Amino acid sequence: MVIGSMKAEERIERSSRRSGSGIDLTCTFKLVALLWAVLPMAAIEAFDYKDALSKSLLYFEAQRSGHLPYNQRVAWRGHSGLTDGLQQGVDLVGGYYDAGDHVKFGLPMAFTITMLSWSVIEYGDEIAAAGEYHHALEAIKWGNDYFIKAHTHPYVLWVEVGDGDTDHYCWQRPEDMTTSRHAYKIDTENPGSDVAGETAAAMAAASIVFQKSNPHYSHLLLHHARQLFEFADKYRGKYDSSVREAKRYYPSWSGYEDELLWAALWLHRATGKGAYLEYVVENGHGFGGTGWEMAEFSWDVKYAGVQILATKVGTHTVLSLISHPTFD
C-alpha cells in the first residue's frame, strides 16, 4: 500500500509540475492520504451504533404512505396517497414508498418487513436496550397493516400502487403527487408466486414478533400468511410476467422457488407444523436451495436466508436438505 501510494504521489507530482502548480497539488495529495489513513480509525472508535439504529428506524417513518399517526416523529411529512386503490374499488392506503419516488412495490416492501421482523426476533433484547423496540414494532406493523389490506381474497394480492415510468418523470412531494396511482394485482389468472411467497414470509415472521404483545394480531397475520403461501404454491408464476409495470424496476431474476422455500421455513418457525418443513425437505434440492455458492441475499434472491433458517431447525433437517448437493 505504501509503495502504491508513493507511485501515485510521484505521478501526481510530475503531472503537477507540468501544469506549473506542483507544490499545491502535491501537498493536497499528502493531506488527502493522511486523512484517508486517520479518519477511518477515528470514525470506528467514535461510531454510535445506538444512534445508527435510531436513525435507521426513523427512515421508515419518513417513507410512510397514508394517514400518518399522531406520534409521527418525522414532522415535515404529511398525509399522502389517500386515494390509493380507489380506482379499483379497494382500500390500499398505507404501506411504504419505495425510495425517493412514490411507488409502492410489493416485493421489496415485503422483504424489508421480513428482515425487520427477523432483526427483532434475533436481536430483540439489544434493540430494547437501545430504546428502539417500540419503534421497530411500529415499523413492522405499518407494513403488515398494508399487506392485510392488499390481500383482499385468498387468491388475490395487490402488489403495486403507482407507475414507475410516470412517477420518475415528476419530482414532487408525496403530499402533492399528481402521477398515476393505478394499482396492480396478482390472482389465479395472473400469478406471482415470488411476491405472494415473500408477503407470506413477512406476515409469518411478524406473527412471531407479536405473539406475546398482541396475540390477536399475530393470529391474523398467520391466517393471511398461510393463505398466501397456498396461493403462491398452487398458482405458480413470476409476478413480473403478470405485472409488467414492475419488470423495469424489480424484476424477479431468481424466479419464485426461493420465495416458496423461504415462506415455508418462516411458516414452520411460526407454527411448528411439520408439513412446512417437509415441503422444504422435499423441494429444497429441486428448487435450487442446496447450492453451495450463494453470492447474494436480497429482495430478489432468498437462498442464503433459506439455508440460515434451515440450520436453526436442526442437524437432521440440514442433512436432509443437502443430501444431494449441487457442485458447480
Protein backbone atom coordinates (compact mmCIF):
# COMPACT_ATOMS: atom_id res chain seq x y z
CA MET A 1 0.00 0.00 0.00
CA VAL A 2 2.88 2.38 0.80
CA ILE A 3 4.63 1.62 -2.49
CA GLY A 4 1.41 2.10 -4.42
CA SER A 5 0.73 5.39 -2.65
CA MET A 6 4.25 6.65 -3.35
CA LYS A 7 3.96 5.78 -7.01
CA ALA A 8 0.63 7.55 -7.19
CA GLU A 9 2.12 10.58 -5.45
CA GLU A 10 5.05 10.66 -7.87
CA ARG A 11 2.70 10.54 -10.85
CA ILE A 12 0.61 13.38 -9.48
CA GLU A 13 3.69 15.42 -8.64
CA ARG A 14 5.12 15.00 -12.15
CA SER A 15 1.77 15.92 -13.63
CA SER A 16 1.51 18.89 -11.31
CA ARG A 17 4.90 20.21 -12.30
CA ARG A 18 3.86 20.15 -15.92
CA SER A 19 0.87 22.29 -15.00
CA GLY A 20 3.01 24.71 -13.05
CA SER A 21 1.30 24.08 -9.70
CA GLY A 22 3.26 21.16 -8.33
CA ILE A 23 3.60 22.29 -4.71
CA ASP A 24 -0.11 22.86 -4.14
CA LEU A 25 -1.29 19.62 -5.71
CA THR A 26 1.40 17.53 -4.00
CA CYS A 27 0.55 18.98 -0.60
CA THR A 28 -3.10 18.37 -1.29
CA PHE A 29 -2.40 14.75 -2.17
CA LYS A 30 -0.41 14.25 1.06
CA LEU A 31 -3.21 15.79 3.11
CA VAL A 32 -5.82 13.56 1.46
CA ALA A 33 -3.63 10.49 2.02
CA LEU A 34 -3.19 11.42 5.69
CA LEU A 35 -6.91 11.92 6.19
CA TRP A 36 -7.64 8.64 4.40
CA ALA A 37 -5.36 6.83 6.84
CA VAL A 38 -6.52 8.55 10.03
CA LEU A 39 -10.24 9.23 9.65
CA PRO A 40 -11.49 5.64 9.32
CA MET A 41 -9.92 4.68 12.67
CA ALA A 42 -11.36 7.75 14.36
CA ALA A 43 -14.77 7.06 12.84
CA ILE A 44 -14.73 3.45 14.05
CA GLU A 45 -13.82 4.46 17.59
CA ALA A 46 -16.48 7.16 17.76
CA PHE A 47 -19.28 5.36 15.92
CA ASP A 48 -22.57 5.39 17.81
CA TYR A 49 -24.45 2.23 16.85
CA LYS A 50 -27.42 3.16 19.01
CA ASP A 51 -27.80 6.39 17.06
CA ALA A 52 -27.44 4.49 13.78
CA LEU A 53 -30.21 2.11 14.82
CA SER A 54 -32.44 5.01 15.80
CA LYS A 55 -31.92 6.81 12.50
CA SER A 56 -32.46 3.60 10.53
CA LEU A 57 -35.89 3.15 12.07
CA LEU A 58 -36.63 6.84 11.68
CA TYR A 59 -36.05 6.42 7.95
CA PHE A 60 -39.07 4.13 7.73
CA GLU A 61 -41.27 6.82 9.26
CA ALA A 62 -40.12 9.18 6.52
CA GLN A 63 -41.18 6.59 3.92
CA ARG A 64 -44.69 6.11 5.27
CA SER A 65 -47.66 6.46 2.96
CA GLY A 66 -51.24 7.06 4.06
CA HIS A 67 -52.74 8.64 7.17
CA LEU A 68 -49.84 9.43 9.47
CA PRO A 69 -50.33 8.80 13.20
CA TYR A 70 -50.28 11.39 15.96
CA ASN A 71 -46.87 10.19 17.15
CA GLN A 72 -45.21 10.59 13.76
CA ARG A 73 -41.66 11.75 14.52
CA VAL A 74 -40.77 12.99 11.03
CA ALA A 75 -42.77 16.19 11.38
CA TRP A 76 -42.21 17.51 7.87
CA ARG A 77 -44.15 14.59 6.37
CA GLY A 78 -47.92 14.76 5.93
CA HIS A 79 -50.78 12.51 4.88
CA SER A 80 -50.39 11.20 1.32
CA GLY A 81 -51.69 8.58 -1.07
CA LEU A 82 -55.14 8.78 0.48
CA THR A 83 -56.91 7.60 -2.67
CA ASP A 84 -54.66 4.63 -3.38
CA GLY A 85 -56.77 1.78 -4.74
CA LEU A 86 -59.85 3.95 -5.20
CA GLN A 87 -59.94 3.42 -8.98
CA GLN A 88 -60.00 -0.34 -8.44
CA GLY A 89 -62.51 -0.22 -5.59
CA VAL A 90 -60.10 -1.37 -2.90
CA ASP A 91 -58.52 0.39 0.07
CA LEU A 92 -54.76 0.41 -0.47
CA VAL A 93 -53.95 3.40 1.71
CA GLY A 94 -50.80 2.89 3.75
CA GLY A 95 -47.57 0.97 3.38
CA TYR A 96 -44.21 2.39 2.41
CA TYR A 97 -42.92 4.30 -0.57
CA ASP A 98 -40.05 2.53 -2.21
CA ALA A 99 -37.27 5.13 -2.28
CA GLY A 100 -37.20 8.75 -3.42
CA ASP A 101 -40.22 8.02 -5.56
CA HIS A 102 -43.85 7.40 -4.63
CA VAL A 103 -44.40 3.90 -5.98
CA LYS A 104 -45.34 1.12 -3.58
CA PHE A 105 -43.61 -2.03 -4.84
CA GLY A 106 -44.86 -5.11 -3.02
CA LEU A 107 -41.85 -7.41 -3.42
CA PRO A 108 -39.10 -5.23 -1.90
CA MET A 109 -41.54 -3.88 0.70
CA ALA A 110 -42.40 -7.39 1.88
CA PHE A 111 -38.74 -8.41 2.04
CA THR A 112 -38.00 -5.30 4.10
CA ILE A 113 -40.68 -6.22 6.62
CA THR A 114 -39.42 -9.81 6.78
CA MET A 115 -35.94 -8.56 7.60
CA LEU A 116 -37.19 -6.08 10.19
CA SER A 117 -39.08 -8.89 11.91
CA TRP A 118 -36.08 -11.20 11.74
CA SER A 119 -33.97 -8.48 13.35
CA VAL A 120 -36.41 -8.19 16.26
CA ILE A 121 -36.63 -11.98 16.63
CA GLU A 122 -32.85 -12.40 16.80
CA TYR A 123 -31.82 -9.14 18.49
CA GLY A 124 -34.90 -8.00 20.36
CA ASP A 125 -33.07 -7.60 23.67
CA GLU A 126 -30.39 -5.43 22.10
CA ILE A 127 -32.96 -3.31 20.27
CA ALA A 128 -34.88 -2.88 23.52
CA ALA A 129 -31.70 -1.90 25.37
CA ALA A 130 -31.22 0.84 22.77
CA GLY A 131 -34.73 2.10 23.48
CA GLU A 132 -35.93 1.31 19.95
CA TYR A 133 -38.05 -1.82 20.44
CA HIS A 134 -41.38 0.01 20.24
CA HIS A 135 -40.29 1.89 17.13
CA ALA A 136 -39.21 -1.37 15.49
CA LEU A 137 -42.61 -2.95 16.19
CA GLU A 138 -44.37 0.12 14.80
CA ALA A 139 -42.35 -0.13 11.59
CA ILE A 140 -43.22 -3.81 11.23
CA LYS A 141 -46.90 -3.27 11.93
CA TRP A 142 -47.16 -0.36 9.49
CA GLY A 143 -46.09 -2.64 6.67
CA ASN A 144 -48.23 -5.58 7.73
CA ASP A 145 -51.35 -3.45 8.14
CA TYR A 146 -50.94 -2.61 4.48
CA PHE A 147 -50.43 -6.25 3.47
CA ILE A 148 -53.67 -7.17 5.24
CA LYS A 149 -55.48 -4.56 3.13
CA ALA A 150 -53.73 -5.71 -0.04
CA HIS A 151 -54.73 -9.36 0.50
CA THR A 152 -58.38 -8.94 -0.44
CA HIS A 153 -59.09 -12.60 -1.25
CA PRO A 154 -57.26 -15.86 -0.51
CA TYR A 155 -56.05 -15.87 -4.11
CA VAL A 156 -55.73 -12.12 -4.74
CA LEU A 157 -52.89 -9.84 -3.67
CA TRP A 158 -52.41 -6.23 -4.74
CA VAL A 159 -48.68 -5.91 -5.35
CA GLU A 160 -48.05 -2.42 -6.72
CA VAL A 161 -49.53 1.06 -6.49
CA GLY A 162 -48.26 3.72 -8.85
CA ASP A 163 -46.37 3.62 -12.11
CA GLY A 164 -42.61 3.96 -12.01
CA ASP A 165 -42.39 5.27 -15.56
CA THR A 166 -44.61 8.31 -14.98
CA ASP A 167 -43.58 8.73 -11.36
CA HIS A 168 -39.91 9.10 -12.16
CA TYR A 169 -40.61 11.90 -14.62
CA CYS A 170 -42.13 14.07 -11.93
CA TRP A 171 -40.23 15.11 -8.80
CA GLN A 172 -42.59 16.34 -6.12
CA ARG A 173 -43.55 15.74 -2.51
CA PRO A 174 -45.75 12.69 -1.87
CA GLU A 175 -48.27 15.05 -0.29
CA ASP A 176 -48.58 16.84 -3.66
CA MET A 177 -48.18 13.98 -6.15
CA THR A 178 -50.26 14.09 -9.30
CA THR A 179 -48.93 11.00 -11.06
CA SER A 180 -50.82 7.77 -11.71
CA ARG A 181 -51.89 5.75 -8.66
CA HIS A 182 -53.12 2.79 -10.63
CA ALA A 183 -52.98 -0.44 -8.62
CA TYR A 184 -51.88 -3.85 -9.88
CA LYS A 185 -52.76 -7.29 -8.54
CA ILE A 186 -51.92 -10.95 -8.92
CA ASP A 187 -54.59 -13.66 -8.95
CA THR A 188 -55.19 -17.16 -10.27
CA GLU A 189 -55.07 -15.98 -13.88
CA ASN A 190 -52.08 -13.72 -13.31
CA PRO A 191 -49.94 -15.45 -10.67
CA GLY A 192 -46.98 -14.11 -8.75
CA SER A 193 -45.53 -16.81 -6.52
CA ASP A 194 -42.46 -14.73 -5.68
CA VAL A 195 -44.28 -11.72 -4.25
CA ALA A 196 -47.03 -13.84 -2.67
CA GLY A 197 -44.38 -16.06 -1.09
CA GLU A 198 -42.38 -13.13 0.23
CA THR A 199 -45.50 -11.50 1.64
CA ALA A 200 -46.36 -14.79 3.34
CA ALA A 201 -42.86 -14.85 4.82
CA ALA A 202 -43.22 -11.25 6.03
CA MET A 203 -46.51 -11.94 7.76
CA ALA A 204 -45.35 -15.24 9.26
CA ALA A 205 -42.19 -13.65 10.65
CA ALA A 206 -44.20 -10.73 12.04
CA SER A 207 -46.63 -13.14 13.67
CA ILE A 208 -43.71 -14.39 15.77
CA VAL A 209 -42.82 -10.83 16.77
CA PHE A 210 -46.35 -10.10 18.01
CA GLN A 211 -47.08 -13.48 19.62
CA LYS A 212 -46.80 -12.15 23.17
CA SER A 213 -47.58 -8.46 22.86
CA ASN A 214 -50.57 -8.75 20.50
CA PRO A 215 -51.72 -12.38 20.12
CA HIS A 216 -54.88 -11.48 18.19
CA TYR A 217 -52.86 -9.57 15.60
CA SER A 218 -50.32 -12.39 15.49
CA HIS A 219 -53.07 -14.89 14.72
CA LEU A 220 -54.48 -12.63 11.99
CA LEU A 221 -51.08 -12.34 10.33
CA LEU A 222 -50.60 -16.09 10.44
CA HIS A 223 -54.01 -16.62 8.84
CA HIS A 224 -53.03 -14.40 5.90
CA ALA A 225 -49.57 -15.96 5.67
CA ARG A 226 -50.99 -19.47 5.33
CA GLN A 227 -53.43 -18.40 2.62
CA LEU A 228 -50.74 -16.53 0.70
CA PHE A 229 -48.36 -19.49 0.80
CA GLU A 230 -51.08 -21.78 -0.51
CA PHE A 231 -51.81 -19.25 -3.27
CA ALA A 232 -48.12 -18.92 -4.16
CA ASP A 233 -47.59 -22.67 -4.33
CA LYS A 234 -50.83 -23.64 -6.06
CA TYR A 235 -50.74 -20.99 -8.78
CA ARG A 236 -47.11 -20.72 -9.74
CA GLY A 237 -45.59 -17.98 -11.85
CA LYS A 238 -43.34 -14.93 -11.76
CA TYR A 239 -45.09 -11.75 -10.76
CA ASP A 240 -43.24 -9.59 -13.28
CA SER A 241 -44.85 -11.65 -16.05
CA SER A 242 -48.25 -10.71 -14.66
CA VAL A 243 -47.43 -7.14 -13.62
CA ARG A 244 -45.19 -5.92 -16.40
CA GLU A 245 -45.02 -2.43 -14.91
CA ALA A 246 -42.74 -3.87 -12.21
CA LYS A 247 -40.33 -5.52 -14.63
CA ARG A 248 -38.17 -2.45 -15.23
CA TYR A 249 -37.72 -1.80 -11.53
CA TYR A 250 -37.92 -5.03 -9.54
CA PRO A 251 -37.74 -7.96 -11.97
CA SER A 252 -37.80 -11.43 -10.45
CA TRP A 253 -34.49 -12.65 -11.83
CA SER A 254 -34.21 -15.54 -9.37
CA GLY A 255 -37.70 -16.84 -10.05
CA TYR A 256 -40.11 -17.85 -7.31
CA GLU A 257 -38.69 -21.11 -5.94
CA ASP A 258 -36.53 -19.34 -3.36
CA GLU A 259 -39.53 -17.43 -2.00
CA LEU A 260 -41.54 -20.65 -1.69
CA LEU A 261 -38.80 -22.25 0.43
CA TRP A 262 -38.32 -19.02 2.38
CA ALA A 263 -42.03 -18.71 3.16
CA ALA A 264 -42.34 -22.38 4.12
CA LEU A 265 -39.50 -22.10 6.62
CA TRP A 266 -40.95 -18.97 8.20
CA LEU A 267 -44.33 -20.67 8.46
CA HIS A 268 -42.69 -23.67 10.09
CA ARG A 269 -40.94 -21.39 12.56
CA ALA A 270 -44.19 -19.56 13.32
CA THR A 271 -46.43 -22.63 13.60
CA GLY A 272 -44.13 -25.55 14.36
CA LYS A 273 -46.11 -27.63 11.87
CA GLY A 274 -44.09 -30.38 10.22
CA ALA A 275 -45.87 -30.07 6.87
CA TYR A 276 -44.00 -26.86 6.08
CA LEU A 277 -40.69 -28.46 6.97
CA GLU A 278 -41.47 -31.49 4.84
CA TYR A 279 -42.20 -29.13 1.96
CA VAL A 280 -38.71 -27.67 2.25
CA VAL A 281 -37.03 -31.08 2.53
CA GLU A 282 -38.93 -32.40 -0.48
CA ASN A 283 -38.35 -29.35 -2.67
CA GLY A 284 -35.08 -27.90 -1.38
CA HIS A 285 -32.85 -29.52 -3.98
CA GLY A 286 -35.25 -29.22 -6.89
CA PHE A 287 -35.86 -25.54 -6.15
CA GLY A 288 -32.14 -24.76 -6.04
CA GLY A 289 -31.89 -24.20 -2.31
CA THR A 290 -28.99 -26.57 -1.64
CA GLY A 291 -26.25 -24.95 -3.72
CA TRP A 292 -23.01 -24.03 -2.01
CA GLU A 293 -22.30 -20.76 -3.80
CA MET A 294 -24.72 -18.06 -2.72
CA ALA A 295 -23.36 -14.72 -3.86
CA GLU A 296 -26.38 -12.61 -2.94
CA PHE A 297 -29.11 -12.22 -0.34
CA SER A 298 -31.62 -9.56 -1.32
CA TRP A 299 -35.22 -8.69 -2.13
CA ASP A 300 -34.81 -10.96 -5.17
CA VAL A 301 -32.62 -13.86 -4.01
CA LYS A 302 -33.52 -15.63 -0.73
CA TYR A 303 -31.49 -18.85 -0.89
CA ALA A 304 -28.87 -17.75 1.65
CA GLY A 305 -31.64 -16.87 4.10
CA VAL A 306 -33.27 -20.23 3.45
CA GLN A 307 -30.08 -22.03 4.40
CA ILE A 308 -29.62 -19.96 7.56
CA LEU A 309 -33.18 -20.68 8.69
CA ALA A 310 -32.68 -24.36 7.91
CA THR A 311 -29.64 -24.53 10.18
CA LYS A 312 -31.77 -23.29 13.05
CA VAL A 313 -34.18 -26.19 12.66
CA GLY A 314 -31.61 -28.89 13.42
CA THR A 315 -28.82 -31.01 12.02
CA HIS A 316 -31.12 -33.75 10.76
CA THR A 317 -33.06 -31.32 8.61
CA VAL A 318 -29.94 -29.70 7.22
CA LEU A 319 -28.53 -33.11 6.29
CA SER A 320 -31.78 -33.94 4.55
CA LEU A 321 -31.67 -30.69 2.61
CA ILE A 322 -28.10 -31.22 1.41
CA SER A 323 -28.28 -34.97 0.80
CA HIS A 324 -27.89 -34.28 -2.92
CA PRO A 325 -25.73 -31.13 -3.07
CA THR A 326 -25.03 -29.27 -6.26
CA PHE A 327 -21.36 -28.84 -7.12
CA ASP A 328 -20.85 -26.12 -9.71
